[in-house]
Amino acid sequence: MNPPSLLDVCRFLRRHAPGLAAHPTPRGLAHFVAWYWRDARVGVIHDAGRVVGVALARCVRQVADAAADPFRHEDAAPIVWIDDIVSQHPQGIQLLLRHALARFGPRHAFAGHVFARQGELRVLPFRLVQRLAA
């Protein structure tokens, strides 16, 4: 079975992340996800080729950088910003965090509005992310 494609990921996000599907980019969700896809910043969990979890991440120097520019990414920046993380798999968040750790390596922290229930910003120290992914 082939791994999921960019279009499979977009379909999954449209169904399971309606807030992201309405992302404020003039060219739409596929353009936004493709930007992550080109640089392997999309974590995908699949079961027999069916997408069951997706994370979109990038690195920023400061949390304010993430909000200022949705297309800002610096490989050497100390903060991994999680733009979205969605899972329909019981261990999906843990698996997606493992993907992010493998892709980005040690950083100062992981941050995003996705780690809190009311959408407020939350910054997780790197050691906590390691424990959550274990």
N, C-alpha and C. Protein backbone atom coordinates (compact mmCIF):
# COMPACT_ATOMS: atom_id res chain seq x y z
N MET A 1 0.85 -1.18 0.00
CA MET A 1 0.00 0.00 0.00
C MET A 1 0.89 1.24 0.00
N ASN A 2 0.55 2.22 -0.83
CA ASN A 2 1.31 3.46 -0.91
C ASN A 2 1.06 4.33 0.31
N PRO A 3 2.07 5.12 0.71
CA PRO A 3 1.85 6.06 1.82
C PRO A 3 0.86 7.15 1.38
N PRO A 4 0.24 7.80 2.33
CA PRO A 4 -0.72 8.86 2.00
C PRO A 4 -0.07 10.00 1.21
N SER A 5 -0.84 10.62 0.37
CA SER A 5 -0.37 11.73 -0.44
C SER A 5 -0.75 13.06 0.22
N LEU A 6 -0.27 14.14 -0.35
CA LEU A 6 -0.63 15.47 0.10
C LEU A 6 -2.15 15.66 0.06
N LEU A 7 -2.78 15.18 -0.99
CA LEU A 7 -4.24 15.32 -1.10
C LEU A 7 -4.96 14.52 -0.03
N ASP A 8 -4.45 13.34 0.32
CA ASP A 8 -5.03 12.55 1.40
C ASP A 8 -4.96 13.32 2.72
N VAL A 9 -3.82 13.96 2.95
CA VAL A 9 -3.63 14.75 4.18
C VAL A 9 -4.61 15.92 4.20
N CYS A 10 -4.76 16.61 3.08
CA CYS A 10 -5.71 17.74 3.01
C CYS A 10 -7.14 17.28 3.26
N ARG A 11 -7.52 16.16 2.68
CA ARG A 11 -8.88 15.63 2.92
C ARG A 11 -9.10 15.33 4.40
N PHE A 12 -8.11 14.71 5.03
CA PHE A 12 -8.21 14.40 6.45
C PHE A 12 -8.36 15.69 7.27
N LEU A 13 -7.56 16.70 6.97
CA LEU A 13 -7.64 17.96 7.71
C LEU A 13 -8.97 18.66 7.49
N ARG A 14 -9.51 18.60 6.28
CA ARG A 14 -10.82 19.21 6.03
C ARG A 14 -11.91 18.57 6.90
N ARG A 15 -11.81 17.25 7.06
CA ARG A 15 -12.81 16.53 7.85
C ARG A 15 -12.63 16.73 9.35
N HIS A 16 -11.37 16.71 9.80
CA HIS A 16 -11.12 16.64 11.24
C HIS A 16 -10.54 17.90 11.86
N ALA A 17 -10.24 18.89 11.07
CA ALA A 17 -9.73 20.17 11.60
C ALA A 17 -10.41 21.32 10.86
N PRO A 18 -11.70 21.51 11.11
CA PRO A 18 -12.43 22.53 10.35
C PRO A 18 -11.87 23.94 10.52
N GLY A 19 -11.28 24.24 11.67
CA GLY A 19 -10.67 25.55 11.86
C GLY A 19 -9.49 25.76 10.94
N LEU A 20 -8.72 24.72 10.72
CA LEU A 20 -7.58 24.81 9.81
C LEU A 20 -8.04 24.87 8.36
N ALA A 21 -9.12 24.18 8.05
CA ALA A 21 -9.65 24.19 6.68
C ALA A 21 -10.03 25.61 6.25
N ALA A 22 -10.36 26.45 7.21
CA ALA A 22 -10.71 27.84 6.92
C ALA A 22 -9.52 28.76 7.16
N HIS A 23 -8.29 28.24 7.05
CA HIS A 23 -7.08 29.00 7.33
C HIS A 23 -7.01 30.23 6.44
N PRO A 24 -6.59 31.34 7.01
CA PRO A 24 -6.60 32.60 6.25
C PRO A 24 -5.45 32.74 5.25
N THR A 25 -5.35 31.82 4.33
CA THR A 25 -4.39 31.99 3.25
C THR A 25 -5.19 32.17 1.97
N PRO A 26 -4.81 33.12 1.15
CA PRO A 26 -5.60 33.40 -0.05
C PRO A 26 -5.68 32.22 -1.01
N ARG A 27 -4.67 31.34 -0.97
CA ARG A 27 -4.65 30.23 -1.93
C ARG A 27 -5.21 28.94 -1.35
N GLY A 28 -5.68 28.95 -0.11
CA GLY A 28 -6.39 27.80 0.44
C GLY A 28 -5.54 26.81 1.21
N LEU A 29 -6.22 25.80 1.71
CA LEU A 29 -5.62 24.79 2.57
C LEU A 29 -4.52 24.00 1.86
N ALA A 30 -4.76 23.58 0.63
CA ALA A 30 -3.77 22.76 -0.07
C ALA A 30 -2.45 23.52 -0.24
N HIS A 31 -2.52 24.79 -0.54
CA HIS A 31 -1.31 25.61 -0.67
C HIS A 31 -0.58 25.68 0.67
N PHE A 32 -1.32 25.88 1.74
CA PHE A 32 -0.75 25.98 3.08
C PHE A 32 -0.06 24.66 3.47
N VAL A 33 -0.74 23.54 3.29
CA VAL A 33 -0.17 22.24 3.65
C VAL A 33 1.01 21.89 2.75
N ALA A 34 0.93 22.25 1.48
CA ALA A 34 2.04 21.96 0.55
C ALA A 34 3.32 22.66 0.99
N TRP A 35 3.20 23.84 1.57
CA TRP A 35 4.38 24.55 2.07
C TRP A 35 5.10 23.71 3.13
N TYR A 36 4.36 23.06 4.00
CA TYR A 36 4.95 22.17 5.01
C TYR A 36 5.47 20.89 4.37
N TRP A 37 4.72 20.37 3.43
CA TRP A 37 5.02 19.09 2.78
C TRP A 37 6.39 19.14 2.09
N ARG A 38 6.68 20.24 1.41
CA ARG A 38 7.93 20.37 0.65
C ARG A 38 9.17 20.22 1.52
N ASP A 39 9.07 20.56 2.79
CA ASP A 39 10.25 20.54 3.66
C ASP A 39 10.11 19.48 4.77
N ALA A 40 9.27 18.49 4.56
CA ALA A 40 9.07 17.39 5.52
C ALA A 40 8.70 17.89 6.91
N ARG A 41 7.82 18.89 6.97
CA ARG A 41 7.35 19.39 8.25
C ARG A 41 5.90 18.99 8.51
N VAL A 42 5.45 17.96 7.80
CA VAL A 42 4.14 17.37 8.03
C VAL A 42 4.38 15.98 8.62
N GLY A 43 3.87 15.77 9.82
CA GLY A 43 3.91 14.43 10.40
C GLY A 43 2.60 13.73 10.06
N VAL A 44 2.67 12.52 9.55
CA VAL A 44 1.46 11.78 9.16
C VAL A 44 1.48 10.40 9.80
N ILE A 45 0.38 10.05 10.43
CA ILE A 45 0.18 8.70 10.95
C ILE A 45 -0.87 8.07 10.03
N HIS A 46 -0.57 6.87 9.54
CA HIS A 46 -1.55 6.21 8.69
C HIS A 46 -1.69 4.75 9.08
N ASP A 47 -2.84 4.23 8.75
CA ASP A 47 -3.17 2.83 9.01
C ASP A 47 -3.62 2.23 7.69
N ALA A 48 -2.80 1.35 7.14
CA ALA A 48 -3.08 0.72 5.84
C ALA A 48 -3.34 1.77 4.76
N GLY A 49 -2.54 2.86 4.78
CA GLY A 49 -2.66 3.89 3.77
C GLY A 49 -3.70 4.95 4.06
N ARG A 50 -4.52 4.76 5.09
CA ARG A 50 -5.56 5.73 5.47
C ARG A 50 -5.00 6.66 6.53
N VAL A 51 -5.09 7.97 6.30
CA VAL A 51 -4.58 8.95 7.25
C VAL A 51 -5.41 8.92 8.52
N VAL A 52 -4.72 8.82 9.67
CA VAL A 52 -5.41 8.84 10.97
C VAL A 52 -4.86 9.91 11.90
N GLY A 53 -3.81 10.62 11.47
CA GLY A 53 -3.25 11.69 12.28
C GLY A 53 -2.32 12.56 11.47
N VAL A 54 -2.35 13.88 11.76
CA VAL A 54 -1.51 14.83 11.04
C VAL A 54 -1.04 15.92 11.99
N ALA A 55 0.22 16.32 11.86
CA ALA A 55 0.75 17.48 12.57
C ALA A 55 1.49 18.37 11.58
N LEU A 56 1.32 19.67 11.73
CA LEU A 56 2.02 20.66 10.93
C LEU A 56 2.91 21.45 11.86
N ALA A 57 4.21 21.46 11.61
CA ALA A 57 5.14 22.13 12.52
C ALA A 57 6.19 22.93 11.76
N ARG A 58 6.74 23.93 12.43
CA ARG A 58 7.82 24.75 11.88
C ARG A 58 8.62 25.31 13.05
N CYS A 59 9.78 25.82 12.77
CA CYS A 59 10.64 26.37 13.83
C CYS A 59 10.68 27.89 13.74
N VAL A 60 10.58 28.53 14.91
CA VAL A 60 10.60 29.99 15.00
C VAL A 60 11.54 30.40 16.14
N ARG A 61 12.01 31.62 16.07
CA ARG A 61 12.89 32.14 17.13
C ARG A 61 12.10 32.57 18.35
N GLN A 62 10.94 33.17 18.13
CA GLN A 62 10.08 33.63 19.22
C GLN A 62 8.65 33.26 18.87
N VAL A 63 7.84 33.09 19.90
CA VAL A 63 6.44 32.74 19.69
C VAL A 63 5.74 33.78 18.82
N ALA A 64 6.07 35.04 19.02
CA ALA A 64 5.44 36.11 18.23
C ALA A 64 5.72 35.95 16.73
N ASP A 65 6.84 35.34 16.37
CA ASP A 65 7.17 35.13 14.96
C ASP A 65 6.14 34.24 14.27
N ALA A 66 5.60 33.27 15.00
CA ALA A 66 4.64 32.34 14.41
C ALA A 66 3.36 33.06 14.02
N ALA A 67 2.90 33.96 14.87
CA ALA A 67 1.67 34.69 14.58
C ALA A 67 1.89 35.76 13.52
N ALA A 68 3.07 36.35 13.50
CA ALA A 68 3.36 37.44 12.57
C ALA A 68 3.40 36.96 11.12
N ASP A 69 3.84 35.74 10.90
CA ASP A 69 3.99 35.25 9.54
C ASP A 69 3.73 33.74 9.51
N PRO A 70 2.59 33.30 8.95
CA PRO A 70 2.28 31.87 8.94
C PRO A 70 3.22 31.04 8.06
N PHE A 71 4.09 31.70 7.30
CA PHE A 71 5.05 30.99 6.45
C PHE A 71 6.49 31.21 6.91
N ARG A 72 6.67 31.56 8.16
CA ARG A 72 8.03 31.74 8.69
C ARG A 72 8.52 30.42 9.26
N HIS A 73 9.71 30.04 8.84
CA HIS A 73 10.38 28.85 9.36
C HIS A 73 11.87 29.06 9.27
N GLU A 74 12.57 28.77 10.37
CA GLU A 74 14.03 28.83 10.39
C GLU A 74 14.51 27.53 11.01
N ASP A 75 15.22 26.74 10.23
CA ASP A 75 15.66 25.42 10.71
C ASP A 75 16.40 25.47 12.04
N ALA A 76 17.19 26.51 12.27
CA ALA A 76 18.01 26.58 13.49
C ALA A 76 17.30 27.25 14.67
N ALA A 77 16.07 27.66 14.51
CA ALA A 77 15.35 28.37 15.59
C ALA A 77 15.07 27.45 16.78
N PRO A 78 14.98 27.99 17.98
CA PRO A 78 14.88 27.17 19.19
C PRO A 78 13.49 26.66 19.55
N ILE A 79 12.45 27.15 18.90
CA ILE A 79 11.09 26.76 19.27
C ILE A 79 10.42 26.03 18.11
N VAL A 80 9.87 24.87 18.40
CA VAL A 80 9.06 24.16 17.40
C VAL A 80 7.63 24.63 17.60
N TRP A 81 7.09 25.29 16.59
CA TRP A 81 5.72 25.80 16.64
C TRP A 81 4.82 24.77 15.96
N ILE A 82 3.85 24.27 16.69
CA ILE A 82 2.89 23.31 16.14
C ILE A 82 1.67 24.11 15.67
N ASP A 83 1.50 24.21 14.36
CA ASP A 83 0.35 24.94 13.84
C ASP A 83 -0.93 24.15 14.04
N ASP A 84 -0.86 22.85 13.87
CA ASP A 84 -2.03 22.02 14.13
C ASP A 84 -1.59 20.58 14.34
N ILE A 85 -2.37 19.89 15.16
CA ILE A 85 -2.12 18.47 15.41
C ILE A 85 -3.49 17.83 15.62
N VAL A 86 -3.80 16.84 14.79
CA VAL A 86 -5.12 16.20 14.81
C VAL A 86 -4.92 14.70 14.70
N SER A 87 -5.65 13.95 15.52
CA SER A 87 -5.51 12.51 15.46
C SER A 87 -6.82 11.80 15.72
N GLN A 88 -7.03 10.72 14.99
CA GLN A 88 -8.15 9.82 15.20
C GLN A 88 -7.63 8.47 15.69
N HIS A 89 -6.39 8.44 16.09
CA HIS A 89 -5.72 7.22 16.56
C HIS A 89 -5.51 7.35 18.07
N PRO A 90 -5.71 6.30 18.85
CA PRO A 90 -5.58 6.41 20.31
C PRO A 90 -4.21 6.88 20.78
N GLN A 91 -3.16 6.59 20.04
CA GLN A 91 -1.82 7.02 20.42
C GLN A 91 -1.26 8.04 19.43
N GLY A 92 -2.14 8.66 18.67
CA GLY A 92 -1.71 9.54 17.59
C GLY A 92 -0.90 10.73 18.02
N ILE A 93 -1.30 11.43 19.07
CA ILE A 93 -0.57 12.62 19.50
C ILE A 93 0.84 12.22 19.92
N GLN A 94 0.95 11.15 20.66
CA GLN A 94 2.26 10.65 21.09
C GLN A 94 3.12 10.31 19.86
N LEU A 95 2.55 9.62 18.89
CA LEU A 95 3.29 9.24 17.69
C LEU A 95 3.70 10.47 16.87
N LEU A 96 2.80 11.45 16.78
CA LEU A 96 3.12 12.66 16.02
C LEU A 96 4.21 13.48 16.73
N LEU A 97 4.19 13.50 18.06
CA LEU A 97 5.27 14.18 18.78
C LEU A 97 6.61 13.47 18.54
N ARG A 98 6.57 12.14 18.44
CA ARG A 98 7.80 11.40 18.11
C ARG A 98 8.33 11.79 16.74
N HIS A 99 7.41 11.94 15.77
CA HIS A 99 7.80 12.39 14.43
C HIS A 99 8.49 13.75 14.53
N ALA A 100 7.89 14.66 15.29
CA ALA A 100 8.46 16.02 15.41
C ALA A 100 9.83 15.98 16.08
N LEU A 101 9.98 15.15 17.10
CA LEU A 101 11.28 15.04 17.76
C LEU A 101 12.33 14.49 16.80
N ALA A 102 11.94 13.52 16.01
CA ALA A 102 12.89 12.94 15.04
C ALA A 102 13.24 13.95 13.95
N ARG A 103 12.26 14.70 13.50
CA ARG A 103 12.49 15.67 12.42
C ARG A 103 13.30 16.87 12.87
N PHE A 104 12.96 17.44 14.05
CA PHE A 104 13.57 18.69 14.48
C PHE A 104 14.68 18.53 15.50
N GLY A 105 14.74 17.40 16.19
CA GLY A 105 15.78 17.20 17.20
C GLY A 105 15.56 18.06 18.43
N PRO A 106 16.56 18.10 19.31
CA PRO A 106 16.44 18.87 20.55
C PRO A 106 16.24 20.37 20.28
N ARG A 107 15.30 20.94 20.98
CA ARG A 107 15.00 22.38 20.89
C ARG A 107 14.75 22.90 22.30
N HIS A 108 14.55 24.17 22.42
CA HIS A 108 14.25 24.78 23.72
C HIS A 108 12.84 24.39 24.18
N ALA A 109 11.88 24.45 23.26
CA ALA A 109 10.48 24.20 23.63
C ALA A 109 9.65 23.90 22.40
N PHE A 110 8.47 23.37 22.65
CA PHE A 110 7.43 23.23 21.64
C PHE A 110 6.31 24.17 22.07
N ALA A 111 5.68 24.83 21.13
CA ALA A 111 4.63 25.79 21.47
C ALA A 111 3.51 25.72 20.45
N GLY A 112 2.38 26.23 20.85
CA GLY A 112 1.24 26.32 19.94
C GLY A 112 -0.05 26.50 20.69
N HIS A 113 -1.05 26.85 19.95
CA HIS A 113 -2.38 26.99 20.52
C HIS A 113 -3.08 25.64 20.60
N VAL A 114 -2.46 24.61 20.08
CA VAL A 114 -3.08 23.29 19.99
C VAL A 114 -2.92 22.45 21.26
N PHE A 115 -2.08 22.88 22.18
CA PHE A 115 -1.83 22.09 23.38
C PHE A 115 -2.79 22.42 24.52
N ALA A 116 -3.67 23.38 24.35
CA ALA A 116 -4.59 23.80 25.40
C ALA A 116 -6.03 23.69 24.90
N ARG A 117 -6.93 23.49 25.80
CA ARG A 117 -8.33 23.25 25.40
C ARG A 117 -9.04 24.48 24.85
N GLN A 118 -8.75 25.65 25.37
CA GLN A 118 -9.45 26.85 24.92
C GLN A 118 -8.73 27.58 23.80
N GLY A 119 -7.69 26.97 23.27
CA GLY A 119 -6.96 27.59 22.17
C GLY A 119 -5.95 28.63 22.60
N GLU A 120 -5.74 28.78 23.92
CA GLU A 120 -4.74 29.74 24.36
C GLU A 120 -3.34 29.18 24.12
N LEU A 121 -2.39 30.07 24.04
CA LEU A 121 -1.02 29.69 23.79
C LEU A 121 -0.47 28.87 24.95
N ARG A 122 0.27 27.86 24.62
CA ARG A 122 0.94 27.05 25.63
C ARG A 122 2.33 26.71 25.13
N VAL A 123 3.31 26.84 26.01
CA VAL A 123 4.70 26.52 25.70
C VAL A 123 5.09 25.33 26.56
N LEU A 124 5.55 24.25 25.91
CA LEU A 124 5.97 23.04 26.62
C LEU A 124 7.49 22.93 26.57
N PRO A 125 8.13 22.84 27.73
CA PRO A 125 9.58 22.64 27.72
C PRO A 125 9.94 21.34 27.00
N PHE A 126 11.13 21.32 26.42
CA PHE A 126 11.55 20.17 25.62
C PHE A 126 11.49 18.87 26.41
N ARG A 127 11.90 18.89 27.66
CA ARG A 127 11.88 17.64 28.47
C ARG A 127 10.46 17.11 28.64
N LEU A 128 9.49 17.98 28.76
CA LEU A 128 8.10 17.53 28.88
C LEU A 128 7.66 16.88 27.56
N VAL A 129 8.03 17.46 26.44
CA VAL A 129 7.68 16.88 25.14
C VAL A 129 8.31 15.50 25.00
N GLN A 130 9.54 15.35 25.45
CA GLN A 130 10.19 14.04 25.42
C GLN A 130 9.40 13.02 26.23
N ARG A 131 8.93 13.42 27.40
CA ARG A 131 8.14 12.50 28.24
C ARG A 131 6.80 12.15 27.59
N LEU A 132 6.16 13.14 27.00
CA LEU A 132 4.87 12.90 26.34
C LEU A 132 5.02 11.96 25.14
N ALA A 133 6.16 12.02 24.48
CA ALA A 133 6.40 11.19 23.29
C ALA A 133 6.89 9.81 23.63
N ALA A 134 7.34 9.60 24.85
CA ALA A 134 7.92 8.30 25.24
C ALA A 134 6.89 7.20 25.31
